[in-house]
Amino acid sequence: MTAMGYDEPGGPEVLRAETLDVPVPGRGEVLVKVAFAGVNRPDVVQRQGNYPPPPGASPIPGLEISGTVAAVGEGVDGIAVGERVCALVAGGGYAQYCIADAGHCLQVPAGLAMDEAAALPETLFTVWHNVFERCCAREGETLLVHGGTSGIGTMATMLGRAFGLTVIVTCGSPDKCAAALGIGAHHAIDYKATDFVEEVARITEGRGVDLVLDMVAGSYVPRNLKCLAPEGRHVTIAVQGGTRAEINMAVVMSRRYTLTGSTLRPRSAQFKTLLAQEIRDNAWPLVAEGALRPVMDTRFPLAEAAAAHARMEAGDHIGKIVLET
């Protein structure tokens, strides 16, 4: 099979095609003939040498796929050869075939295109776990999301709106703000033109938001805390602005904040299986009925993975980038 790998970390240009043996599914696993693979920020960070795959995972980038089951391993029930699935994987997505844990697969319903199916698992698993599980989002609350037109940002907007949250997003231009509003955000703040802390205070009439979904970290954390209402929850899922933040713990104490964060890729297979089941029960019906669809940006052929990474790094995309095999 053809896969996109690299010899040494570097820029997008280090990605190149290589020929590998088709992997064989082990117990509890399925082999998927890949139709599309999602491109995500962690893929870029891995290629740069800053996010190594967890032990036992494929070194080939790619954390989400859609395709057709080509073979099943021992102990797999409920998934048959020929079935259309999408899956969260720990690596190996940038290839013509990919191994997936059977428990991390979701059936692709009729009416969902395969490129859209590949664009769902990483963002859906991430947002559901962090916003609804870790931060216990409830109907009627207000959520602040940074990177409102990113894959995570668009998914957080759509899921938040579907479950009764008021969603405020930040974006880097008027055009992106307009796109975010079109996707479903209730408010969009151009962080290059205005101070998002002041805008959140204005929008919420001084109350603040109940939750912050943070992908920046660094200097954004103390600013995020200024946006939180009492009892607010702050969850960090990426550190694009730096790994260190200085905060006033007396404020955290007096306003009873909760600060948390997570990374999904290194979590156990059992954890991801339980998360997939919760998504299957609560969010997947929205996909099945057509109420939830990913925002799609650009499709690239698998061989043009470098161009896909370059587009993501440029920051001009709105929604999801996928590779077509």
C-alpha atoms as a PDB file:
ATOM      1  CA  MET A   1       0.000   0.000   0.000  1.00  0.00           C
ATOM      2  CA  THR A   2       0.964   3.646  -0.365  1.00  0.00           C
ATOM      3  CA  ALA A   3       1.322   5.784   2.752  1.00  0.00           C
ATOM      4  CA  MET A   4       2.630   9.284   3.452  1.00  0.00           C
ATOM      5  CA  GLY A   5       5.544   9.329   5.863  1.00  0.00           C
ATOM      6  CA  TYR A   6       8.734  11.255   6.507  1.00  0.00           C
ATOM      7  CA  ASP A   7      12.340  10.449   7.376  1.00  0.00           C
ATOM      8  CA  GLU A   8      13.122  13.412   9.625  1.00  0.00           C
ATOM      9  CA  PRO A   9      10.926  16.077  11.232  1.00  0.00           C
ATOM     10  CA  GLY A  10      10.587  19.339   9.351  1.00  0.00           C
ATOM     11  CA  GLY A  11       8.301  21.450   7.190  1.00  0.00           C
ATOM     12  CA  PRO A  12       5.461  20.144   5.030  1.00  0.00           C
ATOM     13  CA  GLU A  13       7.956  19.252   2.289  1.00  0.00           C
ATOM     14  CA  VAL A  14       9.354  16.324   4.317  1.00  0.00           C
ATOM     15  CA  LEU A  15       6.156  14.342   3.701  1.00  0.00           C
ATOM     16  CA  ARG A  16       6.661  11.801   0.937  1.00  0.00           C
ATOM     17  CA  ALA A  17       5.021   8.647  -0.375  1.00  0.00           C
ATOM     18  CA  GLU A  18       6.345   5.271   0.706  1.00  0.00           C
ATOM     19  CA  THR A  19       5.321   1.688   0.034  1.00  0.00           C
ATOM     20  CA  LEU A  20       4.455  -0.430   3.068  1.00  0.00           C
ATOM     21  CA  ASP A  21       2.927  -3.831   3.676  1.00  0.00           C
ATOM     22  CA  VAL A  22      -0.807  -3.788   4.310  1.00  0.00           C
ATOM     23  CA  PRO A  23      -1.204  -4.224   8.089  1.00  0.00           C
ATOM     24  CA  VAL A  24      -3.022  -7.212   9.578  1.00  0.00           C
ATOM     25  CA  PRO A  25      -5.735  -6.591  12.182  1.00  0.00           C
ATOM     26  CA  GLY A  26      -5.171  -8.112  15.603  1.00  0.00           C
ATOM     27  CA  ARG A  27      -7.695  -9.124  18.191  1.00  0.00           C
ATOM     28  CA  GLY A  28     -10.444  -6.537  18.520  1.00  0.00           C
ATOM     29  CA  GLU A  29      -9.239  -4.632  15.449  1.00  0.00           C
ATOM     30  CA  VAL A  30     -10.474  -4.056  11.908  1.00  0.00           C
ATOM     31  CA  LEU A  31      -8.591  -3.254   8.716  1.00  0.00           C
ATOM     32  CA  VAL A  32     -10.143  -0.302   6.888  1.00  0.00           C
ATOM     33  CA  LYS A  33      -9.628   0.420   3.198  1.00  0.00           C
ATOM     34  CA  VAL A  34      -9.313   4.171   3.579  1.00  0.00           C
ATOM     35  CA  ALA A  35     -11.455   6.489   1.480  1.00  0.00           C
ATOM     36  CA  PHE A  36     -10.503   9.742   3.246  1.00  0.00           C
ATOM     37  CA  ALA A  37      -8.268  10.771   6.128  1.00  0.00           C
ATOM     38  CA  GLY A  38      -8.768  13.905   8.173  1.00  0.00           C
ATOM     39  CA  VAL A  39      -5.907  16.382   8.560  1.00  0.00           C
ATOM     40  CA  ASN A  40      -5.563  17.832  12.046  1.00  0.00           C
ATOM     41  CA  ARG A  41      -3.246  20.161  13.924  1.00  0.00           C
ATOM     42  CA  PRO A  42      -1.685  17.252  15.888  1.00  0.00           C
ATOM     43  CA  ASP A  43      -0.550  15.787  12.537  1.00  0.00           C
ATOM     44  CA  VAL A  44       1.351  19.002  11.853  1.00  0.00           C
ATOM     45  CA  VAL A  45       2.892  19.018  15.328  1.00  0.00           C
ATOM     46  CA  GLN A  46       3.925  15.359  14.913  1.00  0.00           C
ATOM     47  CA  ARG A  47       5.557  16.108  11.550  1.00  0.00           C
ATOM     48  CA  GLN A  48       7.464  18.946  13.211  1.00  0.00           C
ATOM     49  CA  GLY A  49       8.857  16.468  15.742  1.00  0.00           C
ATOM     50  CA  ASN A  50       6.919  17.713  18.768  1.00  0.00           C
ATOM     51  CA  TYR A  51       4.173  15.104  19.170  1.00  0.00           C
ATOM     52  CA  PRO A  52       5.503  11.553  18.904  1.00  0.00           C
ATOM     53  CA  PRO A  53       2.984   8.738  18.486  1.00  0.00           C
ATOM     54  CA  PRO A  54       2.212   6.761  21.641  1.00  0.00           C
ATOM     55  CA  PRO A  55       3.847   3.334  22.126  1.00  0.00           C
ATOM     56  CA  GLY A  56       2.530   0.784  19.652  1.00  0.00           C
ATOM     57  CA  ALA A  57       0.896   3.330  17.347  1.00  0.00           C
ATOM     58  CA  SER A  58       1.757   3.666  13.665  1.00  0.00           C
ATOM     59  CA  PRO A  59       4.405   6.332  12.941  1.00  0.00           C
ATOM     60  CA  ILE A  60       2.383   7.331   9.870  1.00  0.00           C
ATOM     61  CA  PRO A  61       0.361  10.521  10.587  1.00  0.00           C
ATOM     62  CA  GLY A  62      -3.423  10.555  10.545  1.00  0.00           C
ATOM     63  CA  LEU A  63      -5.833  10.347  13.490  1.00  0.00           C
ATOM     64  CA  GLU A  64      -9.189   9.867  11.746  1.00  0.00           C
ATOM     65  CA  ILE A  65     -10.379   7.981   8.698  1.00  0.00           C
ATOM     66  CA  SER A  66     -13.408   6.855   6.764  1.00  0.00           C
ATOM     67  CA  GLY A  67     -13.598   3.828   4.528  1.00  0.00           C
ATOM     68  CA  THR A  68     -14.782   0.266   4.064  1.00  0.00           C
ATOM     69  CA  VAL A  69     -13.943  -2.615   6.376  1.00  0.00           C
ATOM     70  CA  ALA A  70     -11.596  -4.944   4.483  1.00  0.00           C
ATOM     71  CA  ALA A  71     -10.892  -7.506   7.215  1.00  0.00           C
ATOM     72  CA  VAL A  72     -11.747  -8.127  10.864  1.00  0.00           C
ATOM     73  CA  GLY A  73      -9.596  -9.547  13.621  1.00  0.00           C
ATOM     74  CA  GLU A  74     -10.528 -12.123  16.231  1.00  0.00           C
ATOM     75  CA  GLY A  75     -13.159 -11.174  18.760  1.00  0.00           C
ATOM     76  CA  VAL A  76     -14.813  -8.475  16.643  1.00  0.00           C
ATOM     77  CA  ASP A  77     -18.596  -8.495  16.783  1.00  0.00           C
ATOM     78  CA  GLY A  78     -21.038  -6.114  15.162  1.00  0.00           C
ATOM     79  CA  ILE A  79     -18.769  -4.971  12.319  1.00  0.00           C
ATOM     80  CA  ALA A  80     -18.699  -6.853   9.027  1.00  0.00           C
ATOM     81  CA  VAL A  81     -16.432  -6.804   6.000  1.00  0.00           C
ATOM     82  CA  GLY A  82     -17.784  -4.300   3.492  1.00  0.00           C
ATOM     83  CA  GLU A  83     -19.354  -2.021   6.102  1.00  0.00           C
ATOM     84  CA  ARG A  84     -18.810   1.742   5.827  1.00  0.00           C
ATOM     85  CA  VAL A  85     -17.183   3.149   8.965  1.00  0.00           C
ATOM     86  CA  CYS A  86     -15.304   6.131  10.249  1.00  0.00           C
ATOM     87  CA  ALA A  87     -12.881   5.793  13.115  1.00  0.00           C
ATOM     88  CA  LEU A  88     -10.614   7.550  15.560  1.00  0.00           C
ATOM     89  CA  VAL A  89      -7.130   6.040  15.242  1.00  0.00           C
ATOM     90  CA  ALA A  90      -3.844   6.625  17.085  1.00  0.00           C
ATOM     91  CA  GLY A  91      -1.949   6.945  13.795  1.00  0.00           C
ATOM     92  CA  GLY A  92      -1.690   5.501  10.318  1.00  0.00           C
ATOM     93  CA  GLY A  93      -4.523   7.404   8.658  1.00  0.00           C
ATOM     94  CA  TYR A  94      -2.445   8.810   5.766  1.00  0.00           C
ATOM     95  CA  ALA A  95      -2.477   5.477   3.941  1.00  0.00           C
ATOM     96  CA  GLN A  96      -4.552   3.296   1.662  1.00  0.00           C
ATOM     97  CA  TYR A  97      -5.236   0.882   4.539  1.00  0.00           C
ATOM     98  CA  CYS A  98      -5.366   1.556   8.263  1.00  0.00           C
ATOM     99  CA  ILE A  99      -5.909  -0.473  11.427  1.00  0.00           C
ATOM    100  CA  ALA A 100      -8.665   0.722  13.771  1.00  0.00           C
ATOM    101  CA  ASP A 101      -9.860  -0.568  17.107  1.00  0.00           C
ATOM    102  CA  ALA A 102     -13.354  -1.940  16.516  1.00  0.00           C
ATOM    103  CA  GLY A 103     -14.607  -0.053  19.564  1.00  0.00           C
ATOM    104  CA  HIS A 104     -13.471   3.252  18.078  1.00  0.00           C
ATOM    105  CA  CYS A 105     -15.450   2.844  14.852  1.00  0.00           C
ATOM    106  CA  LEU A 106     -18.756   4.504  14.061  1.00  0.00           C
ATOM    107  CA  GLN A 107     -21.052   3.306  11.306  1.00  0.00           C
ATOM    108  CA  VAL A 108     -21.427   5.811   8.477  1.00  0.00           C
ATOM    109  CA  PRO A 109     -25.165   6.456   8.074  1.00  0.00           C
ATOM    110  CA  ALA A 110     -26.876   6.818   4.717  1.00  0.00           C
ATOM    111  CA  GLY A 111     -26.680  10.395   3.518  1.00  0.00           C
ATOM    112  CA  LEU A 112     -23.288  11.106   5.100  1.00  0.00           C
ATOM    113  CA  ALA A 113     -20.588  11.498   2.447  1.00  0.00           C
ATOM    114  CA  MET A 114     -17.334   9.679   3.090  1.00  0.00           C
ATOM    115  CA  ASP A 115     -15.234  12.850   3.080  1.00  0.00           C
ATOM    116  CA  GLU A 116     -17.552  14.266   5.754  1.00  0.00           C
ATOM    117  CA  ALA A 117     -17.353  11.020   7.725  1.00  0.00           C
ATOM    118  CA  ALA A 118     -13.549  11.263   7.841  1.00  0.00           C
ATOM    119  CA  ALA A 119     -13.821  14.829   9.145  1.00  0.00           C
ATOM    120  CA  LEU A 120     -15.882  13.904  12.206  1.00  0.00           C
ATOM    121  CA  PRO A 121     -14.106  11.565  14.671  1.00  0.00           C
ATOM    122  CA  GLU A 122     -11.176  13.658  15.924  1.00  0.00           C
ATOM    123  CA  THR A 123     -13.155  16.841  16.514  1.00  0.00           C
ATOM    124  CA  LEU A 124     -16.305  15.093  17.727  1.00  0.00           C
ATOM    125  CA  PHE A 125     -14.447  12.907  20.245  1.00  0.00           C
ATOM    126  CA  THR A 126     -12.377  15.884  21.439  1.00  0.00           C
ATOM    127  CA  VAL A 127     -15.233  18.345  21.844  1.00  0.00           C
ATOM    128  CA  TRP A 128     -17.616  15.848  23.401  1.00  0.00           C
ATOM    129  CA  HIS A 129     -15.079  14.717  25.981  1.00  0.00           C
ATOM    130  CA  ASN A 130     -13.800  18.146  26.944  1.00  0.00           C
ATOM    131  CA  VAL A 131     -16.924  20.302  26.781  1.00  0.00           C
ATOM    132  CA  PHE A 132     -19.604  17.831  27.809  1.00  0.00           C
ATOM    133  CA  GLU A 133     -17.732  15.308  29.962  1.00  0.00           C
ATOM    134  CA  ARG A 134     -14.847  17.174  31.582  1.00  0.00           C
ATOM    135  CA  CYS A 135     -16.637  20.529  31.829  1.00  0.00           C
ATOM    136  CA  CYS A 136     -20.167  19.174  32.290  1.00  0.00           C
ATOM    137  CA  ALA A 137     -21.762  21.676  29.895  1.00  0.00           C
ATOM    138  CA  ARG A 138     -25.458  22.149  30.539  1.00  0.00           C
ATOM    139  CA  GLU A 139     -28.294  23.629  28.525  1.00  0.00           C
ATOM    140  CA  GLY A 140     -28.542  27.379  28.991  1.00  0.00           C
ATOM    141  CA  GLU A 141     -24.841  27.939  29.678  1.00  0.00           C
ATOM    142  CA  THR A 142     -22.455  30.087  27.632  1.00  0.00           C
ATOM    143  CA  LEU A 143     -19.326  28.719  25.955  1.00  0.00           C
ATOM    144  CA  LEU A 144     -16.326  30.722  24.707  1.00  0.00           C
ATOM    145  CA  VAL A 145     -14.353  29.000  21.938  1.00  0.00           C
ATOM    146  CA  HIS A 146     -11.058  30.224  20.532  1.00  0.00           C
ATOM    147  CA  GLY A 147     -10.300  29.429  16.895  1.00  0.00           C
ATOM    148  CA  GLY A 148     -13.929  29.601  15.880  1.00  0.00           C
ATOM    149  CA  THR A 149     -13.383  28.529  12.247  1.00  0.00           C
ATOM    150  CA  SER A 150     -10.980  25.654  12.966  1.00  0.00           C
ATOM    151  CA  GLY A 151     -12.150  22.060  12.861  1.00  0.00           C
ATOM    152  CA  ILE A 152     -12.484  22.001  16.649  1.00  0.00           C
ATOM    153  CA  GLY A 153     -14.053  25.445  16.719  1.00  0.00           C
ATOM    154  CA  THR A 154     -16.714  24.654  14.147  1.00  0.00           C
ATOM    155  CA  MET A 155     -17.572  21.360  15.856  1.00  0.00           C
ATOM    156  CA  ALA A 156     -17.788  23.040  19.265  1.00  0.00           C
ATOM    157  CA  THR A 157     -20.103  25.661  17.775  1.00  0.00           C
ATOM    158  CA  MET A 158     -22.430  23.138  16.182  1.00  0.00           C
ATOM    159  CA  LEU A 159     -22.508  20.718  19.123  1.00  0.00           C
ATOM    160  CA  GLY A 160     -22.899  23.540  21.613  1.00  0.00           C
ATOM    161  CA  ARG A 161     -25.805  25.000  19.710  1.00  0.00           C
ATOM    162  CA  ALA A 162     -27.422  21.567  19.298  1.00  0.00           C
ATOM    163  CA  PHE A 163     -27.343  21.028  23.059  1.00  0.00           C
ATOM    164  CA  GLY A 164     -28.643  24.441  24.059  1.00  0.00           C
ATOM    165  CA  LEU A 165     -25.460  26.423  24.742  1.00  0.00           C
ATOM    166  CA  THR A 166     -24.887  30.041  23.761  1.00  0.00           C
ATOM    167  CA  VAL A 167     -21.638  30.022  21.778  1.00  0.00           C
ATOM    168  CA  ILE A 168     -19.175  32.917  21.564  1.00  0.00           C
ATOM    169  CA  VAL A 169     -16.152  32.422  19.302  1.00  0.00           C
ATOM    170  CA  THR A 170     -12.991  34.359  18.514  1.00  0.00           C
ATOM    171  CA  CYS A 171     -11.629  34.599  14.963  1.00  0.00           C
ATOM    172  CA  GLY A 172      -8.789  36.421  13.234  1.00  0.00           C
ATOM    173  CA  SER A 173     -10.638  38.442  10.585  1.00  0.00           C
ATOM    174  CA  PRO A 174     -14.052  39.904   9.732  1.00  0.00           C
ATOM    175  CA  ASP A 175     -14.512  37.252   7.031  1.00  0.00           C
ATOM    176  CA  LYS A 176     -13.859  34.451   9.510  1.00  0.00           C
ATOM    177  CA  CYS A 177     -16.223  36.058  12.001  1.00  0.00           C
ATOM    178  CA  ALA A 178     -18.922  36.127   9.312  1.00  0.00           C
ATOM    179  CA  ALA A 179     -18.230  32.473   8.498  1.00  0.00           C
ATOM    180  CA  ALA A 180     -18.454  31.518  12.175  1.00  0.00           C
ATOM    181  CA  LEU A 181     -21.814  33.246  12.513  1.00  0.00           C
ATOM    182  CA  GLY A 182     -23.013  31.398   9.417  1.00  0.00           C
ATOM    183  CA  ILE A 183     -21.952  28.097  10.985  1.00  0.00           C
ATOM    184  CA  GLY A 184     -24.036  28.836  14.062  1.00  0.00           C
ATOM    185  CA  ALA A 185     -22.071  30.883  16.578  1.00  0.00           C
ATOM    186  CA  HIS A 186     -24.250  33.366  18.430  1.00  0.00           C
ATOM    187  CA  HIS A 187     -21.433  35.913  18.649  1.00  0.00           C
ATOM    188  CA  ALA A 188     -18.059  36.197  16.870  1.00  0.00           C
ATOM    189  CA  ILE A 189     -15.221  38.418  18.084  1.00  0.00           C
ATOM    190  CA  ASP A 190     -12.393  39.602  15.815  1.00  0.00           C
ATOM    191  CA  TYR A 191      -9.546  39.286  18.313  1.00  0.00           C
ATOM    192  CA  LYS A 192      -7.210  41.312  16.094  1.00  0.00           C
ATOM    193  CA  ALA A 193      -9.551  44.308  16.109  1.00  0.00           C
ATOM    194  CA  THR A 194     -10.931  44.219  19.662  1.00  0.00           C
ATOM    195  CA  ASP A 195     -10.028  42.896  23.115  1.00  0.00           C
ATOM    196  CA  PHE A 196     -11.955  39.638  23.461  1.00  0.00           C
ATOM    197  CA  VAL A 197     -12.066  40.042  27.263  1.00  0.00           C
ATOM    198  CA  GLU A 198     -13.888  43.364  26.925  1.00  0.00           C
ATOM    199  CA  GLU A 199     -16.167  41.992  24.216  1.00  0.00           C
ATOM    200  CA  VAL A 200     -17.143  38.974  26.312  1.00  0.00           C
ATOM    201  CA  ALA A 201     -17.990  41.306  29.195  1.00  0.00           C
ATOM    202  CA  ARG A 202     -20.120  43.419  26.873  1.00  0.00           C
ATOM    203  CA  ILE A 203     -21.917  40.450  25.302  1.00  0.00           C
ATOM    204  CA  THR A 204     -22.655  38.805  28.659  1.00  0.00           C
ATOM    205  CA  GLU A 205     -23.489  42.127  30.355  1.00  0.00           C
ATOM    206  CA  GLY A 206     -20.638  41.647  32.797  1.00  0.00           C
ATOM    207  CA  ARG A 207     -21.599  38.140  33.925  1.00  0.00           C
ATOM    208  CA  GLY A 208     -18.984  36.201  31.968  1.00  0.00           C
ATOM    209  CA  VAL A 209     -19.129  32.761  30.368  1.00  0.00           C
ATOM    210  CA  ASP A 210     -19.576  29.401  32.029  1.00  0.00           C
ATOM    211  CA  LEU A 211     -16.989  27.542  29.946  1.00  0.00           C
ATOM    212  CA  VAL A 212     -13.870  28.303  27.934  1.00  0.00           C
ATOM    213  CA  LEU A 213     -12.537  25.845  25.333  1.00  0.00           C
ATOM    214  CA  ASP A 214      -8.916  26.914  24.995  1.00  0.00           C
ATOM    215  CA  MET A 215      -6.503  25.863  22.244  1.00  0.00           C
ATOM    216  CA  VAL A 216      -3.975  28.641  22.830  1.00  0.00           C
ATOM    217  CA  ALA A 217      -2.836  28.421  26.485  1.00  0.00           C
ATOM    218  CA  GLY A 218       0.156  30.660  27.324  1.00  0.00           C
ATOM    219  CA  SER A 219      -0.805  34.291  27.824  1.00  0.00           C
ATOM    220  CA  TYR A 220      -4.430  33.555  26.928  1.00  0.00           C
ATOM    221  CA  VAL A 221      -5.095  31.677  30.175  1.00  0.00           C
ATOM    222  CA  PRO A 222      -5.213  34.688  32.541  1.00  0.00           C
ATOM    223  CA  ARG A 223      -7.293  36.557  29.955  1.00  0.00           C
ATOM    224  CA  ASN A 224      -9.647  33.588  29.673  1.00  0.00           C
ATOM    225  CA  LEU A 225     -10.105  33.555  33.445  1.00  0.00           C
ATOM    226  CA  LYS A 226     -11.213  37.187  33.285  1.00  0.00           C
ATOM    227  CA  CYS A 227     -13.986  35.998  30.947  1.00  0.00           C
ATOM    228  CA  LEU A 228     -15.307  33.339  33.323  1.00  0.00           C
ATOM    229  CA  ALA A 229     -18.356  33.722  35.505  1.00  0.00           C
ATOM    230  CA  PRO A 230     -18.213  32.373  39.082  1.00  0.00           C
ATOM    231  CA  GLU A 231     -18.095  28.559  39.076  1.00  0.00           C
ATOM    232  CA  GLY A 232     -16.700  28.734  35.520  1.00  0.00           C
ATOM    233  CA  ARG A 233     -14.770  25.889  33.917  1.00  0.00           C
ATOM    234  CA  HIS A 234     -11.682  26.262  31.715  1.00  0.00           C
ATOM    235  CA  VAL A 235     -10.407  23.370  29.590  1.00  0.00           C
ATOM    236  CA  THR A 236      -7.186  23.458  27.559  1.00  0.00           C
ATOM    237  CA  ILE A 237      -6.748  21.062  24.640  1.00  0.00           C
ATOM    238  CA  ALA A 238      -3.703  22.570  22.864  1.00  0.00           C
ATOM    239  CA  VAL A 239      -0.804  24.895  23.662  1.00  0.00           C
ATOM    240  CA  GLN A 240      -0.315  26.853  20.447  1.00  0.00           C
ATOM    241  CA  GLY A 241       0.521  29.982  22.448  1.00  0.00           C
ATOM    242  CA  GLY A 242       2.976  28.314  24.834  1.00  0.00           C
ATOM    243  CA  THR A 243       2.978  25.764  27.626  1.00  0.00           C
ATOM    244  CA  ARG A 244       3.312  28.158  30.566  1.00  0.00           C
ATOM    245  CA  ALA A 245       0.795  30.588  32.043  1.00  0.00           C
ATOM    246  CA  GLU A 246       0.881  32.847  35.092  1.00  0.00           C
ATOM    247  CA  ILE A 247      -2.421  33.098  36.925  1.00  0.00           C
ATOM    248  CA  ASN A 248      -3.712  34.519  40.197  1.00  0.00           C
ATOM    249  CA  MET A 249      -4.707  31.508  42.267  1.00  0.00           C
ATOM    250  CA  ALA A 250      -6.555  33.728  44.749  1.00  0.00           C
ATOM    251  CA  VAL A 251      -8.956  34.583  41.921  1.00  0.00           C
ATOM    252  CA  VAL A 252      -9.353  30.882  41.099  1.00  0.00           C
ATOM    253  CA  MET A 253     -10.208  30.246  44.749  1.00  0.00           C
ATOM    254  CA  SER A 254     -12.541  33.168  45.303  1.00  0.00           C
ATOM    255  CA  ARG A 255     -14.503  32.607  42.085  1.00  0.00           C
ATOM    256  CA  ARG A 256     -14.436  28.803  42.440  1.00  0.00           C
ATOM    257  CA  TYR A 257     -13.030  28.104  38.989  1.00  0.00           C
ATOM    258  CA  THR A 258     -12.227  24.672  37.636  1.00  0.00           C
ATOM    259  CA  LEU A 259      -9.154  24.385  35.400  1.00  0.00           C
ATOM    260  CA  THR A 260      -8.654  21.188  33.458  1.00  0.00           C
ATOM    261  CA  GLY A 261      -7.298  19.863  30.170  1.00  0.00           C
ATOM    262  CA  SER A 262      -6.669  16.703  28.229  1.00  0.00           C
ATOM    263  CA  THR A 263      -4.988  15.047  25.282  1.00  0.00           C
ATOM    264  CA  LEU A 264      -6.945  12.315  23.555  1.00  0.00           C
ATOM    265  CA  ARG A 265      -4.364  10.370  21.558  1.00  0.00           C
ATOM    266  CA  PRO A 266      -2.503   8.660  24.434  1.00  0.00           C
ATOM    267  CA  ARG A 267      -5.648   7.635  26.325  1.00  0.00           C
ATOM    268  CA  SER A 268      -6.346   3.932  26.674  1.00  0.00           C
ATOM    269  CA  ALA A 269      -8.282   1.923  24.119  1.00  0.00           C
ATOM    270  CA  GLN A 270     -10.887   1.181  26.791  1.00  0.00           C
ATOM    271  CA  PHE A 271     -11.393   4.880  27.496  1.00  0.00           C
ATOM    272  CA  LYS A 272     -11.866   5.658  23.803  1.00  0.00           C
ATOM    273  CA  THR A 273     -14.318   2.778  23.439  1.00  0.00           C
ATOM    274  CA  LEU A 274     -16.442   4.163  26.285  1.00  0.00           C
ATOM    275  CA  LEU A 275     -16.215   7.653  24.778  1.00  0.00           C
ATOM    276  CA  ALA A 276     -17.277   6.300  21.381  1.00  0.00           C
ATOM    277  CA  GLN A 277     -20.280   4.623  22.996  1.00  0.00           C
ATOM    278  CA  GLU A 278     -21.357   7.868  24.662  1.00  0.00           C
ATOM    279  CA  ILE A 279     -21.020   9.698  21.343  1.00  0.00           C
ATOM    280  CA  ARG A 280     -22.956   6.927  19.609  1.00  0.00           C
ATOM    281  CA  ASP A 281     -25.779   7.339  22.133  1.00  0.00           C
ATOM    282  CA  ASN A 282     -25.899  11.134  22.357  1.00  0.00           C
ATOM    283  CA  ALA A 283     -24.353  12.860  19.328  1.00  0.00           C
ATOM    284  CA  TRP A 284     -24.413  10.305  16.516  1.00  0.00           C
ATOM    285  CA  PRO A 285     -28.220  10.456  16.177  1.00  0.00           C
ATOM    286  CA  LEU A 286     -27.753  14.093  15.091  1.00  0.00           C
ATOM    287  CA  VAL A 287     -25.405  12.865  12.364  1.00  0.00           C
ATOM    288  CA  ALA A 288     -27.789  10.115  11.314  1.00  0.00           C
ATOM    289  CA  GLU A 289     -30.687  12.543  10.890  1.00  0.00           C
ATOM    290  CA  GLY A 290     -28.554  15.073   9.017  1.00  0.00           C
ATOM    291  CA  ALA A 291     -28.612  17.718  11.743  1.00  0.00           C
ATOM    292  CA  LEU A 292     -24.845  17.590  12.342  1.00  0.00           C
ATOM    293  CA  ARG A 293     -22.351  17.805   9.492  1.00  0.00           C
ATOM    294  CA  PRO A 294     -18.716  18.903   9.578  1.00  0.00           C
ATOM    295  CA  VAL A 295     -17.732  22.168   7.932  1.00  0.00           C
ATOM    296  CA  MET A 296     -15.539  21.169   4.986  1.00  0.00           C
ATOM    297  CA  ASP A 297     -12.651  23.228   3.659  1.00  0.00           C
ATOM    298  CA  THR A 298     -10.466  21.447   1.061  1.00  0.00           C
ATOM    299  CA  ARG A 299      -9.910  17.948  -0.306  1.00  0.00           C
ATOM    300  CA  PHE A 300      -6.375  17.003  -1.358  1.00  0.00           C
ATOM    301  CA  PRO A 301      -5.182  13.769  -2.951  1.00  0.00           C
ATOM    302  CA  LEU A 302      -3.195  11.604  -0.535  1.00  0.00           C
ATOM    303  CA  ALA A 303      -0.007  12.318  -2.506  1.00  0.00           C
ATOM    304  CA  GLU A 304      -0.479  16.040  -1.819  1.00  0.00           C
ATOM    305  CA  ALA A 305      -0.390  15.723   1.968  1.00  0.00           C
ATOM    306  CA  ALA A 306       2.359  18.363   2.046  1.00  0.00           C
ATOM    307  CA  ALA A 307       0.035  20.888   0.416  1.00  0.00           C
ATOM    308  CA  ALA A 308      -2.687  20.004   2.918  1.00  0.00           C
ATOM    309  CA  HIS A 309      -0.289  20.659   5.808  1.00  0.00           C
ATOM    310  CA  ALA A 310       0.818  23.927   4.249  1.00  0.00           C
ATOM    311  CA  ARG A 311      -2.807  25.076   4.043  1.00  0.00           C
ATOM    312  CA  MET A 312      -3.415  24.206   7.675  1.00  0.00           C
ATOM    313  CA  GLU A 313      -0.273  26.019   8.810  1.00  0.00           C
ATOM    314  CA  ALA A 314      -1.223  29.117   6.791  1.00  0.00           C
ATOM    315  CA  GLY A 315      -4.380  29.388   8.900  1.00  0.00           C
ATOM    316  CA  ASP A 316      -6.652  30.339   6.008  1.00  0.00           C
ATOM    317  CA  HIS A 317      -8.877  27.265   6.178  1.00  0.00           C
ATOM    318  CA  ILE A 318     -12.433  27.256   7.498  1.00  0.00           C
ATOM    319  CA  GLY A 319     -13.421  23.832   8.804  1.00  0.00           C
ATOM    320  CA  LYS A 320     -11.851  20.519   7.912  1.00  0.00           C
ATOM    321  CA  ILE A 321      -9.122  19.523   5.468  1.00  0.00           C
ATOM    322  CA  VAL A 322      -9.129  15.914   4.232  1.00  0.00           C
ATOM    323  CA  LEU A 323      -6.949  13.645   2.120  1.00  0.00           C
ATOM    324  CA  GLU A 324      -8.540  11.420  -0.518  1.00  0.00           C
ATOM    325  CA  THR A 325      -6.993   8.046  -1.218  1.00  0.00           C
END
